[in-house]
Amino acid sequence: MRLVEAIRRSEATGPTAMFLVLLAVVIALKGGRYSLFDAQNLAANVLPLALVGLGQYFVILVRGIDLSLGPVMSVSSCLAAVLFPYGAVPAIAAAIAGGVAAGIGNGLLVAWLDLSPVIVTLATMSVWQGVSLVVLATPGGTIPAGLQMALTAATVVVPVPILLLIATALFGAWVMSTRLGLHLRAIGGDAGAAEASGVRVRRQRFAAYALAGTLAALGGLYSAIATSAGSPIIGDSYILPSIAAVVLGGVPLIGGRGSPVGVVMGALTLNIIGSLLYFANLSDFYQSLINGVILIAVVAAAALRSWVWRAVPA
């Protein structure tokens, strides 16, 4: 019941509406044709970003940021591709363990040593970029064909990627319905007041970074399985989009508010924008430019809205 209530009170209405409007535009541009296969491809393409974006959300919720999540994805992708020949279990375990270790490292430096999140994760971003190149210098490796089919294929009713995307949103909603989620919101709202209320701020902030690293690892693992190869640079393209997905999901960068369902909708919106570029006959190179412009616009709009609320007398 708490999970249902969390979804019902979700702050994802705006991001959901924005995604649905853009989806309607894409369907119209396709002549009204949009099949279950199209939805399956959309979910498969969005899932890695949704996972890393959800990880970024937990960090931003406590007024932090993690620039290393993209390279963490790369490391997990490479570890999986290199170790799958030795068995699926050790490969998956190592890929996830890499993300957990990265998150723990960031959490220790930021939460327990009070170092700047930007400086720490900028440094660890470089570290993990190097580690991924050491593990796998060029894209490749071995991914079991059966595993790829199992995680990317359609089922009788709902394709697996869609189920996994829904599971990602539900997991985020579940976390926010727990005591951990409540504490993360409280820390983002006012860390001093949260600590005075008995919240162990350092421990919960540490948990946010550890959770973010784990989710980024899952994103890298799925990316490797879906593309049949690991890549030492695959995560670099997710650094800015992971933040953009959070912002488009209605989460303020000052933390304390926002919905994990909104973050998934933000990730879907970014992918739909890529589809619109295709229909406009524009190069994919414009995607990064547009993502940056959207990020600035959304942040500026939020700042303007706050200024108006302060300027207008009650």
C-alpha atoms as a PDB file:
ATOM      1  CA  MET A   1       0.000   0.000   0.000  1.00  0.00           C
ATOM      2  CA  ARG A   2       2.814   2.420   0.755  1.00  0.00           C
ATOM      3  CA  LEU A   3       4.230   1.807  -2.726  1.00  0.00           C
ATOM      4  CA  VAL A   4       0.840   2.493  -4.338  1.00  0.00           C
ATOM      5  CA  GLU A   5       0.463   5.661  -2.292  1.00  0.00           C
ATOM      6  CA  ALA A   6       3.943   6.817  -3.305  1.00  0.00           C
ATOM      7  CA  ILE A   7       3.073   6.387  -6.968  1.00  0.00           C
ATOM      8  CA  ARG A   8      -0.294   8.094  -6.538  1.00  0.00           C
ATOM      9  CA  ARG A   9       1.329  11.128  -4.938  1.00  0.00           C
ATOM     10  CA  SER A  10       4.124  11.097  -7.471  1.00  0.00           C
ATOM     11  CA  GLU A  11       5.520  14.391  -8.752  1.00  0.00           C
ATOM     12  CA  ALA A  12       5.774  12.876 -12.227  1.00  0.00           C
ATOM     13  CA  THR A  13       2.619  14.345 -13.767  1.00  0.00           C
ATOM     14  CA  GLY A  14       4.413  17.093 -15.689  1.00  0.00           C
ATOM     15  CA  PRO A  15       7.234  14.889 -17.041  1.00  0.00           C
ATOM     16  CA  THR A  16       4.713  12.207 -18.021  1.00  0.00           C
ATOM     17  CA  ALA A  17       2.587  14.727 -19.908  1.00  0.00           C
ATOM     18  CA  MET A  18       5.654  16.092 -21.704  1.00  0.00           C
ATOM     19  CA  PHE A  19       6.683  12.594 -22.802  1.00  0.00           C
ATOM     20  CA  LEU A  20       3.188  11.711 -23.990  1.00  0.00           C
ATOM     21  CA  VAL A  21       2.948  14.904 -26.059  1.00  0.00           C
ATOM     22  CA  LEU A  22       6.289  14.203 -27.759  1.00  0.00           C
ATOM     23  CA  LEU A  23       5.310  10.571 -28.281  1.00  0.00           C
ATOM     24  CA  ALA A  24       2.095  11.702 -29.956  1.00  0.00           C
ATOM     25  CA  VAL A  25       4.164  13.919 -32.274  1.00  0.00           C
ATOM     26  CA  VAL A  26       6.411  10.981 -33.210  1.00  0.00           C
ATOM     27  CA  ILE A  27       3.394   8.760 -33.880  1.00  0.00           C
ATOM     28  CA  ALA A  28       1.884  11.474 -36.061  1.00  0.00           C
ATOM     29  CA  LEU A  29       5.134  11.825 -38.012  1.00  0.00           C
ATOM     30  CA  LYS A  30       5.087   8.061 -38.584  1.00  0.00           C
ATOM     31  CA  GLY A  31       1.650   8.339 -40.118  1.00  0.00           C
ATOM     32  CA  GLY A  32      -0.164   7.112 -37.043  1.00  0.00           C
ATOM     33  CA  ARG A  33       1.699   3.788 -36.998  1.00  0.00           C
ATOM     34  CA  TYR A  34       3.290   2.796 -33.692  1.00  0.00           C
ATOM     35  CA  SER A  35       3.595  -0.890 -32.961  1.00  0.00           C
ATOM     36  CA  LEU A  36       4.499  -2.921 -29.916  1.00  0.00           C
ATOM     37  CA  PHE A  37       7.853  -3.508 -31.585  1.00  0.00           C
ATOM     38  CA  ASP A  38       8.458   0.254 -31.631  1.00  0.00           C
ATOM     39  CA  ALA A  39       7.653   0.425 -27.920  1.00  0.00           C
ATOM     40  CA  GLN A  40      10.003  -2.497 -27.291  1.00  0.00           C
ATOM     41  CA  ASN A  41      12.869  -0.713 -29.060  1.00  0.00           C
ATOM     42  CA  LEU A  42      12.132   2.488 -27.179  1.00  0.00           C
ATOM     43  CA  ALA A  43      12.277   0.707 -23.823  1.00  0.00           C
ATOM     44  CA  ALA A  44      15.470  -1.179 -24.740  1.00  0.00           C
ATOM     45  CA  ASN A  45      17.188   2.047 -25.776  1.00  0.00           C
ATOM     46  CA  VAL A  46      16.010   3.969 -22.716  1.00  0.00           C
ATOM     47  CA  LEU A  47      16.638   1.369 -20.009  1.00  0.00           C
ATOM     48  CA  PRO A  48      20.397   2.059 -19.474  1.00  0.00           C
ATOM     49  CA  LEU A  49      19.724   5.803 -19.213  1.00  0.00           C
ATOM     50  CA  ALA A  50      16.766   5.205 -16.892  1.00  0.00           C
ATOM     51  CA  LEU A  51      18.969   3.135 -14.577  1.00  0.00           C
ATOM     52  CA  VAL A  52      21.866   5.587 -14.441  1.00  0.00           C
ATOM     53  CA  GLY A  53      19.411   8.501 -14.251  1.00  0.00           C
ATOM     54  CA  LEU A  54      17.703   6.892 -11.266  1.00  0.00           C
ATOM     55  CA  GLY A  55      21.100   6.555  -9.601  1.00  0.00           C
ATOM     56  CA  GLN A  56      21.808  10.221 -10.312  1.00  0.00           C
ATOM     57  CA  TYR A  57      18.401  11.077  -8.857  1.00  0.00           C
ATOM     58  CA  PHE A  58      19.224   9.559  -5.457  1.00  0.00           C
ATOM     59  CA  VAL A  59      22.456  11.548  -5.324  1.00  0.00           C
ATOM     60  CA  ILE A  60      20.891  14.834  -6.436  1.00  0.00           C
ATOM     61  CA  LEU A  61      18.109  14.275  -3.911  1.00  0.00           C
ATOM     62  CA  VAL A  62      20.686  14.807  -1.124  1.00  0.00           C
ATOM     63  CA  ARG A  63      22.166  17.854  -2.899  1.00  0.00           C
ATOM     64  CA  GLY A  64      25.019  15.956  -4.477  1.00  0.00           C
ATOM     65  CA  ILE A  65      26.029  15.009  -7.985  1.00  0.00           C
ATOM     66  CA  ASP A  66      27.926  12.074  -9.468  1.00  0.00           C
ATOM     67  CA  LEU A  67      29.867  12.700 -12.664  1.00  0.00           C
ATOM     68  CA  SER A  68      31.445   9.246 -12.496  1.00  0.00           C
ATOM     69  CA  LEU A  69      28.297   7.207 -13.147  1.00  0.00           C
ATOM     70  CA  GLY A  70      28.891   7.095 -16.910  1.00  0.00           C
ATOM     71  CA  PRO A  71      32.397   5.622 -16.622  1.00  0.00           C
ATOM     72  CA  VAL A  72      31.112   3.229 -13.941  1.00  0.00           C
ATOM     73  CA  MET A  73      28.713   1.953 -16.595  1.00  0.00           C
ATOM     74  CA  SER A  74      31.673   1.471 -18.932  1.00  0.00           C
ATOM     75  CA  VAL A  75      33.614  -0.547 -16.352  1.00  0.00           C
ATOM     76  CA  SER A  76      30.646  -2.826 -15.663  1.00  0.00           C
ATOM     77  CA  SER A  77      30.072  -3.255 -19.388  1.00  0.00           C
ATOM     78  CA  CYS A  78      33.703  -4.248 -19.924  1.00  0.00           C
ATOM     79  CA  LEU A  79      33.858  -6.576 -16.924  1.00  0.00           C
ATOM     80  CA  ALA A  80      30.751  -8.406 -18.098  1.00  0.00           C
ATOM     81  CA  ALA A  81      32.014  -8.782 -21.668  1.00  0.00           C
ATOM     82  CA  VAL A  82      35.404 -10.077 -20.522  1.00  0.00           C
ATOM     83  CA  LEU A  83      34.122 -12.483 -17.861  1.00  0.00           C
ATOM     84  CA  PHE A  84      31.045 -14.002 -19.535  1.00  0.00           C
ATOM     85  CA  PRO A  85      33.201 -16.767 -21.127  1.00  0.00           C
ATOM     86  CA  TYR A  86      33.911 -17.935 -17.555  1.00  0.00           C
ATOM     87  CA  GLY A  87      30.242 -18.097 -16.627  1.00  0.00           C
ATOM     88  CA  ALA A  88      27.227 -15.809 -16.359  1.00  0.00           C
ATOM     89  CA  VAL A  89      27.226 -15.711 -12.560  1.00  0.00           C
ATOM     90  CA  PRO A  90      30.817 -14.457 -12.066  1.00  0.00           C
ATOM     91  CA  ALA A  91      30.417 -11.986 -14.942  1.00  0.00           C
ATOM     92  CA  ILE A  92      27.207 -10.457 -13.574  1.00  0.00           C
ATOM     93  CA  ALA A  93      28.538 -10.487 -10.009  1.00  0.00           C
ATOM     94  CA  ALA A  94      31.771  -8.748 -11.017  1.00  0.00           C
ATOM     95  CA  ALA A  95      29.928  -6.144 -13.093  1.00  0.00           C
ATOM     96  CA  ILE A  96      27.623  -5.259 -10.213  1.00  0.00           C
ATOM     97  CA  ALA A  97      30.440  -5.398  -7.646  1.00  0.00           C
ATOM     98  CA  GLY A  98      32.380  -2.852  -9.688  1.00  0.00           C
ATOM     99  CA  GLY A  99      29.494  -0.404  -9.454  1.00  0.00           C
ATOM    100  CA  VAL A 100      28.995  -1.052  -5.752  1.00  0.00           C
ATOM    101  CA  ALA A 101      32.708  -0.422  -5.115  1.00  0.00           C
ATOM    102  CA  ALA A 102      32.603   2.815  -7.111  1.00  0.00           C
ATOM    103  CA  GLY A 103      29.554   4.018  -5.205  1.00  0.00           C
ATOM    104  CA  ILE A 104      31.083   3.111  -1.849  1.00  0.00           C
ATOM    105  CA  GLY A 105      34.266   4.965  -2.748  1.00  0.00           C
ATOM    106  CA  ASN A 106      32.383   8.109  -3.719  1.00  0.00           C
ATOM    107  CA  GLY A 107      30.193   7.822  -0.639  1.00  0.00           C
ATOM    108  CA  LEU A 108      33.167   7.556   1.709  1.00  0.00           C
ATOM    109  CA  LEU A 109      34.858  10.594   0.174  1.00  0.00           C
ATOM    110  CA  VAL A 110      31.770  12.767  -0.019  1.00  0.00           C
ATOM    111  CA  ALA A 111      29.697  11.706   2.984  1.00  0.00           C
ATOM    112  CA  TRP A 112      32.357  10.826   5.528  1.00  0.00           C
ATOM    113  CA  LEU A 113      35.242  13.117   4.527  1.00  0.00           C
ATOM    114  CA  ASP A 114      32.995  16.043   3.502  1.00  0.00           C
ATOM    115  CA  LEU A 115      34.767  16.541   0.184  1.00  0.00           C
ATOM    116  CA  SER A 116      33.112  18.369  -2.703  1.00  0.00           C
ATOM    117  CA  PRO A 117      30.886  16.004  -4.744  1.00  0.00           C
ATOM    118  CA  VAL A 118      31.887  17.735  -7.993  1.00  0.00           C
ATOM    119  CA  ILE A 119      35.626  17.423  -7.325  1.00  0.00           C
ATOM    120  CA  VAL A 120      35.412  13.873  -5.991  1.00  0.00           C
ATOM    121  CA  THR A 121      33.296  12.468  -8.807  1.00  0.00           C
ATOM    122  CA  LEU A 122      35.238  14.402 -11.451  1.00  0.00           C
ATOM    123  CA  ALA A 123      38.370  12.670 -10.174  1.00  0.00           C
ATOM    124  CA  THR A 124      36.762   9.225  -9.917  1.00  0.00           C
ATOM    125  CA  MET A 125      35.268   9.733 -13.379  1.00  0.00           C
ATOM    126  CA  SER A 126      38.801   9.910 -14.735  1.00  0.00           C
ATOM    127  CA  VAL A 127      39.843   6.900 -12.642  1.00  0.00           C
ATOM    128  CA  TRP A 128      37.024   4.700 -13.927  1.00  0.00           C
ATOM    129  CA  GLN A 129      37.594   5.816 -17.510  1.00  0.00           C
ATOM    130  CA  GLY A 130      41.137   4.513 -17.148  1.00  0.00           C
ATOM    131  CA  VAL A 131      40.028   1.283 -15.479  1.00  0.00           C
ATOM    132  CA  SER A 132      37.576   0.523 -18.270  1.00  0.00           C
ATOM    133  CA  LEU A 133      40.358   0.897 -20.859  1.00  0.00           C
ATOM    134  CA  VAL A 134      42.582  -1.430 -18.848  1.00  0.00           C
ATOM    135  CA  VAL A 135      39.845  -4.061 -18.641  1.00  0.00           C
ATOM    136  CA  LEU A 136      38.889  -3.813 -22.329  1.00  0.00           C
ATOM    137  CA  ALA A 137      40.891  -1.533 -24.619  1.00  0.00           C
ATOM    138  CA  THR A 138      38.455  -1.711 -27.542  1.00  0.00           C
ATOM    139  CA  PRO A 139      34.764  -2.591 -27.829  1.00  0.00           C
ATOM    140  CA  GLY A 140      34.251  -6.340 -27.931  1.00  0.00           C
ATOM    141  CA  GLY A 141      34.167  -9.299 -25.598  1.00  0.00           C
ATOM    142  CA  THR A 142      31.681 -12.154 -25.468  1.00  0.00           C
ATOM    143  CA  ILE A 143      28.011 -11.972 -24.557  1.00  0.00           C
ATOM    144  CA  PRO A 144      25.875 -15.151 -24.486  1.00  0.00           C
ATOM    145  CA  ALA A 145      23.326 -14.984 -27.294  1.00  0.00           C
ATOM    146  CA  GLY A 146      20.696 -16.657 -25.141  1.00  0.00           C
ATOM    147  CA  LEU A 147      21.026 -14.023 -22.426  1.00  0.00           C
ATOM    148  CA  GLN A 148      20.759 -11.228 -24.953  1.00  0.00           C
ATOM    149  CA  MET A 149      17.608 -12.773 -26.403  1.00  0.00           C
ATOM    150  CA  ALA A 150      16.107 -13.248 -22.946  1.00  0.00           C
ATOM    151  CA  LEU A 151      16.577  -9.600 -21.938  1.00  0.00           C
ATOM    152  CA  THR A 152      15.745  -7.898 -25.227  1.00  0.00           C
ATOM    153  CA  ALA A 153      13.129 -10.088 -26.896  1.00  0.00           C
ATOM    154  CA  ALA A 154       9.362  -9.809 -26.903  1.00  0.00           C
ATOM    155  CA  THR A 155       7.157 -12.005 -24.754  1.00  0.00           C
ATOM    156  CA  VAL A 156       3.622 -13.159 -25.507  1.00  0.00           C
ATOM    157  CA  VAL A 157       2.072 -10.073 -23.885  1.00  0.00           C
ATOM    158  CA  VAL A 158       4.655  -7.424 -22.924  1.00  0.00           C
ATOM    159  CA  PRO A 159       8.262  -7.274 -24.242  1.00  0.00           C
ATOM    160  CA  VAL A 160      10.963  -7.826 -21.642  1.00  0.00           C
ATOM    161  CA  PRO A 161      12.556  -4.355 -22.043  1.00  0.00           C
ATOM    162  CA  ILE A 162       9.208  -2.722 -21.241  1.00  0.00           C
ATOM    163  CA  LEU A 163       8.841  -4.927 -18.163  1.00  0.00           C
ATOM    164  CA  LEU A 164      12.350  -4.005 -17.036  1.00  0.00           C
ATOM    165  CA  LEU A 165      11.680  -0.297 -17.561  1.00  0.00           C
ATOM    166  CA  ILE A 166       8.501  -0.543 -15.507  1.00  0.00           C
ATOM    167  CA  ALA A 167      10.417  -2.497 -12.843  1.00  0.00           C
ATOM    168  CA  THR A 168      13.011   0.299 -12.724  1.00  0.00           C
ATOM    169  CA  ALA A 169      10.333   2.919 -12.089  1.00  0.00           C
ATOM    170  CA  LEU A 170       8.630   0.717  -9.478  1.00  0.00           C
ATOM    171  CA  PHE A 171      11.935   0.081  -7.719  1.00  0.00           C
ATOM    172  CA  GLY A 172      12.597   3.802  -7.470  1.00  0.00           C
ATOM    173  CA  ALA A 173       9.072   4.401  -6.161  1.00  0.00           C
ATOM    174  CA  TRP A 174       9.528   1.598  -3.627  1.00  0.00           C
ATOM    175  CA  VAL A 175      12.813   3.057  -2.342  1.00  0.00           C
ATOM    176  CA  MET A 176      11.165   6.446  -1.897  1.00  0.00           C
ATOM    177  CA  SER A 177       8.326   4.807   0.063  1.00  0.00           C
ATOM    178  CA  THR A 178      10.790   3.396   2.612  1.00  0.00           C
ATOM    179  CA  ARG A 179      12.478   5.092   5.539  1.00  0.00           C
ATOM    180  CA  LEU A 180      15.601   5.544   3.413  1.00  0.00           C
ATOM    181  CA  GLY A 181      13.620   7.511   0.842  1.00  0.00           C
ATOM    182  CA  LEU A 182      12.059   9.668   3.535  1.00  0.00           C
ATOM    183  CA  HIS A 183      15.478  10.409   4.992  1.00  0.00           C
ATOM    184  CA  LEU A 184      16.958  11.243   1.587  1.00  0.00           C
ATOM    185  CA  ARG A 185      14.197  13.784   1.009  1.00  0.00           C
ATOM    186  CA  ALA A 186      14.723  15.246   4.469  1.00  0.00           C
ATOM    187  CA  ILE A 187      18.465  15.619   3.923  1.00  0.00           C
ATOM    188  CA  GLY A 188      17.910  17.373   0.600  1.00  0.00           C
ATOM    189  CA  GLY A 189      15.342  19.689   2.161  1.00  0.00           C
ATOM    190  CA  ASP A 190      17.454  20.683   5.164  1.00  0.00           C
ATOM    191  CA  ALA A 191      20.355  18.512   6.296  1.00  0.00           C
ATOM    192  CA  GLY A 192      20.695  20.339   9.608  1.00  0.00           C
ATOM    193  CA  ALA A 193      17.049  19.913  10.509  1.00  0.00           C
ATOM    194  CA  ALA A 194      17.153  16.270   9.399  1.00  0.00           C
ATOM    195  CA  GLU A 195      20.127  15.579  11.653  1.00  0.00           C
ATOM    196  CA  ALA A 196      18.421  17.325  14.549  1.00  0.00           C
ATOM    197  CA  SER A 197      15.440  15.021  13.972  1.00  0.00           C
ATOM    198  CA  GLY A 198      17.607  11.943  14.366  1.00  0.00           C
ATOM    199  CA  VAL A 199      18.471  11.223  10.730  1.00  0.00           C
ATOM    200  CA  ARG A 200      21.995   9.870  10.317  1.00  0.00           C
ATOM    201  CA  VAL A 201      22.899  12.241   7.499  1.00  0.00           C
ATOM    202  CA  ARG A 202      26.336  10.854   6.695  1.00  0.00           C
ATOM    203  CA  ARG A 203      25.114   7.269   6.576  1.00  0.00           C
ATOM    204  CA  GLN A 204      22.126   8.046   4.348  1.00  0.00           C
ATOM    205  CA  ARG A 205      24.170  10.234   2.005  1.00  0.00           C
ATOM    206  CA  PHE A 206      26.682   7.402   1.769  1.00  0.00           C
ATOM    207  CA  ALA A 207      23.812   5.023   0.933  1.00  0.00           C
ATOM    208  CA  ALA A 208      22.679   7.335  -1.878  1.00  0.00           C
ATOM    209  CA  TYR A 209      26.084   7.167  -3.573  1.00  0.00           C
ATOM    210  CA  ALA A 210      26.365   3.404  -3.082  1.00  0.00           C
ATOM    211  CA  LEU A 211      22.910   2.928  -4.593  1.00  0.00           C
ATOM    212  CA  ALA A 212      23.806   5.189  -7.509  1.00  0.00           C
ATOM    213  CA  GLY A 213      26.915   3.164  -8.309  1.00  0.00           C
ATOM    214  CA  THR A 214      24.919  -0.070  -8.204  1.00  0.00           C
ATOM    215  CA  LEU A 215      22.269   1.255 -10.595  1.00  0.00           C
ATOM    216  CA  ALA A 216      24.926   2.569 -12.971  1.00  0.00           C
ATOM    217  CA  ALA A 217      26.507  -0.891 -12.985  1.00  0.00           C
ATOM    218  CA  LEU A 218      23.158  -2.449 -13.878  1.00  0.00           C
ATOM    219  CA  GLY A 219      22.857   0.068 -16.714  1.00  0.00           C
ATOM    220  CA  GLY A 220      26.276  -0.891 -18.040  1.00  0.00           C
ATOM    221  CA  LEU A 221      25.495  -4.578 -17.706  1.00  0.00           C
ATOM    222  CA  TYR A 222      22.253  -4.271 -19.646  1.00  0.00           C
ATOM    223  CA  SER A 223      23.963  -2.133 -22.287  1.00  0.00           C
ATOM    224  CA  ALA A 224      26.612  -4.819 -22.823  1.00  0.00           C
ATOM    225  CA  ILE A 225      23.994  -7.563 -23.075  1.00  0.00           C
ATOM    226  CA  ALA A 226      21.728  -5.582 -25.412  1.00  0.00           C
ATOM    227  CA  THR A 227      24.569  -4.629 -27.790  1.00  0.00           C
ATOM    228  CA  SER A 228      26.431  -7.978 -27.549  1.00  0.00           C
ATOM    229  CA  ALA A 229      29.653  -6.205 -26.607  1.00  0.00           C
ATOM    230  CA  GLY A 230      31.365  -4.329 -23.828  1.00  0.00           C
ATOM    231  CA  SER A 231      32.743  -0.863 -24.491  1.00  0.00           C
ATOM    232  CA  PRO A 232      35.251   1.232 -22.512  1.00  0.00           C
ATOM    233  CA  ILE A 233      33.599   4.468 -23.645  1.00  0.00           C
ATOM    234  CA  ILE A 234      29.896   3.577 -23.732  1.00  0.00           C
ATOM    235  CA  GLY A 235      29.195   5.338 -20.446  1.00  0.00           C
ATOM    236  CA  ASP A 236      30.798   8.645 -21.421  1.00  0.00           C
ATOM    237  CA  SER A 237      27.714   9.519 -23.460  1.00  0.00           C
ATOM    238  CA  TYR A 238      25.514   9.113 -20.368  1.00  0.00           C
ATOM    239  CA  ILE A 239      27.217  11.663 -18.089  1.00  0.00           C
ATOM    240  CA  LEU A 240      25.213  14.721 -19.155  1.00  0.00           C
ATOM    241  CA  PRO A 241      22.023  12.838 -20.138  1.00  0.00           C
ATOM    242  CA  SER A 242      21.808  11.252 -16.680  1.00  0.00           C
ATOM    243  CA  ILE A 243      21.591  14.742 -15.196  1.00  0.00           C
ATOM    244  CA  ALA A 244      19.274  15.947 -17.965  1.00  0.00           C
ATOM    245  CA  ALA A 245      16.896  13.030 -17.321  1.00  0.00           C
ATOM    246  CA  VAL A 246      16.706  13.984 -13.650  1.00  0.00           C
ATOM    247  CA  VAL A 247      16.042  17.649 -14.431  1.00  0.00           C
ATOM    248  CA  LEU A 248      13.491  16.830 -17.141  1.00  0.00           C
ATOM    249  CA  GLY A 249      11.886  14.520 -14.594  1.00  0.00           C
ATOM    250  CA  GLY A 250      11.015  17.553 -12.495  1.00  0.00           C
ATOM    251  CA  VAL A 251      13.745  17.120  -9.879  1.00  0.00           C
ATOM    252  CA  PRO A 252      15.392  20.388  -8.716  1.00  0.00           C
ATOM    253  CA  LEU A 253      19.173  20.344  -8.535  1.00  0.00           C
ATOM    254  CA  ILE A 254      18.966  21.701  -4.986  1.00  0.00           C
ATOM    255  CA  GLY A 255      17.515  18.334  -3.918  1.00  0.00           C
ATOM    256  CA  GLY A 256      14.775  17.400  -1.506  1.00  0.00           C
ATOM    257  CA  ARG A 257      11.986  16.928  -4.066  1.00  0.00           C
ATOM    258  CA  GLY A 258      11.169  14.935  -7.170  1.00  0.00           C
ATOM    259  CA  SER A 259       9.904  11.562  -8.289  1.00  0.00           C
ATOM    260  CA  PRO A 260      11.805   8.508  -9.560  1.00  0.00           C
ATOM    261  CA  VAL A 261       8.936   7.880 -11.979  1.00  0.00           C
ATOM    262  CA  GLY A 262       9.517  11.385 -13.308  1.00  0.00           C
ATOM    263  CA  VAL A 263      13.173  10.531 -13.900  1.00  0.00           C
ATOM    264  CA  VAL A 264      12.193   7.525 -16.027  1.00  0.00           C
ATOM    265  CA  MET A 265       9.841   9.813 -17.963  1.00  0.00           C
ATOM    266  CA  GLY A 266      12.693  12.269 -18.382  1.00  0.00           C
ATOM    267  CA  ALA A 267      14.852   9.507 -19.857  1.00  0.00           C
ATOM    268  CA  LEU A 268      12.033   8.560 -22.239  1.00  0.00           C
ATOM    269  CA  THR A 269      11.675  12.206 -23.260  1.00  0.00           C
ATOM    270  CA  LEU A 270      15.365  12.474 -24.138  1.00  0.00           C
ATOM    271  CA  ASN A 271      15.078   9.389 -26.325  1.00  0.00           C
ATOM    272  CA  ILE A 272      11.965  10.712 -28.044  1.00  0.00           C
ATOM    273  CA  ILE A 273      13.833  13.931 -28.823  1.00  0.00           C
ATOM    274  CA  GLY A 274      16.375  11.780 -30.663  1.00  0.00           C
ATOM    275  CA  SER A 275      13.534  10.292 -32.721  1.00  0.00           C
ATOM    276  CA  LEU A 276      12.300  13.778 -33.590  1.00  0.00           C
ATOM    277  CA  LEU A 277      15.794  14.662 -34.819  1.00  0.00           C
ATOM    278  CA  TYR A 278      15.629  11.651 -37.116  1.00  0.00           C
ATOM    279  CA  PHE A 279      12.322  12.761 -38.595  1.00  0.00           C
ATOM    280  CA  ALA A 280      13.701  16.280 -38.998  1.00  0.00           C
ATOM    281  CA  ASN A 281      16.637  14.838 -40.981  1.00  0.00           C
ATOM    282  CA  LEU A 282      19.123  16.250 -38.488  1.00  0.00           C
ATOM    283  CA  SER A 283      22.351  14.514 -37.515  1.00  0.00           C
ATOM    284  CA  ASP A 284      22.626  12.675 -34.208  1.00  0.00           C
ATOM    285  CA  PHE A 285      25.452  15.075 -33.399  1.00  0.00           C
ATOM    286  CA  TYR A 286      22.768  17.644 -32.551  1.00  0.00           C
ATOM    287  CA  GLN A 287      21.498  15.429 -29.726  1.00  0.00           C
ATOM    288  CA  SER A 288      24.217  16.540 -27.297  1.00  0.00           C
ATOM    289  CA  LEU A 289      23.688  20.191 -28.206  1.00  0.00           C
ATOM    290  CA  ILE A 290      19.933  19.930 -27.710  1.00  0.00           C
ATOM    291  CA  ASN A 291      20.356  18.060 -24.425  1.00  0.00           C
ATOM    292  CA  GLY A 292      22.524  20.897 -23.129  1.00  0.00           C
ATOM    293  CA  VAL A 293      20.083  23.569 -24.261  1.00  0.00           C
ATOM    294  CA  ILE A 294      17.166  21.706 -22.676  1.00  0.00           C
ATOM    295  CA  LEU A 295      19.078  21.307 -19.423  1.00  0.00           C
ATOM    296  CA  ILE A 296      19.836  25.038 -19.277  1.00  0.00           C
ATOM    297  CA  ALA A 297      16.262  25.945 -20.203  1.00  0.00           C
ATOM    298  CA  VAL A 298      14.681  23.717 -17.561  1.00  0.00           C
ATOM    299  CA  VAL A 299      17.047  24.902 -14.812  1.00  0.00           C
ATOM    300  CA  ALA A 300      16.505  28.536 -15.834  1.00  0.00           C
ATOM    301  CA  ALA A 301      12.728  28.047 -15.838  1.00  0.00           C
ATOM    302  CA  ALA A 302      12.856  26.576 -12.326  1.00  0.00           C
ATOM    303  CA  ALA A 303      14.995  29.495 -11.110  1.00  0.00           C
ATOM    304  CA  LEU A 304      12.619  31.995 -12.735  1.00  0.00           C
ATOM    305  CA  ARG A 305       9.610  30.322 -11.150  1.00  0.00           C
ATOM    306  CA  SER A 306      11.247  30.503  -7.704  1.00  0.00           C
ATOM    307  CA  TRP A 307      12.084  34.170  -8.246  1.00  0.00           C
ATOM    308  CA  VAL A 308       8.505  34.969  -9.217  1.00  0.00           C
ATOM    309  CA  TRP A 309       7.151  33.189  -6.129  1.00  0.00           C
ATOM    310  CA  ARG A 310       9.506  35.229  -3.915  1.00  0.00           C
ATOM    311  CA  ALA A 311       8.719  38.496  -5.697  1.00  0.00           C
ATOM    312  CA  VAL A 312       4.926  38.170  -5.625  1.00  0.00           C
ATOM    313  CA  PRO A 313       3.536  39.010  -2.172  1.00  0.00           C
ATOM    314  CA  ALA A 314       1.391  36.371  -0.498  1.00  0.00           C
END
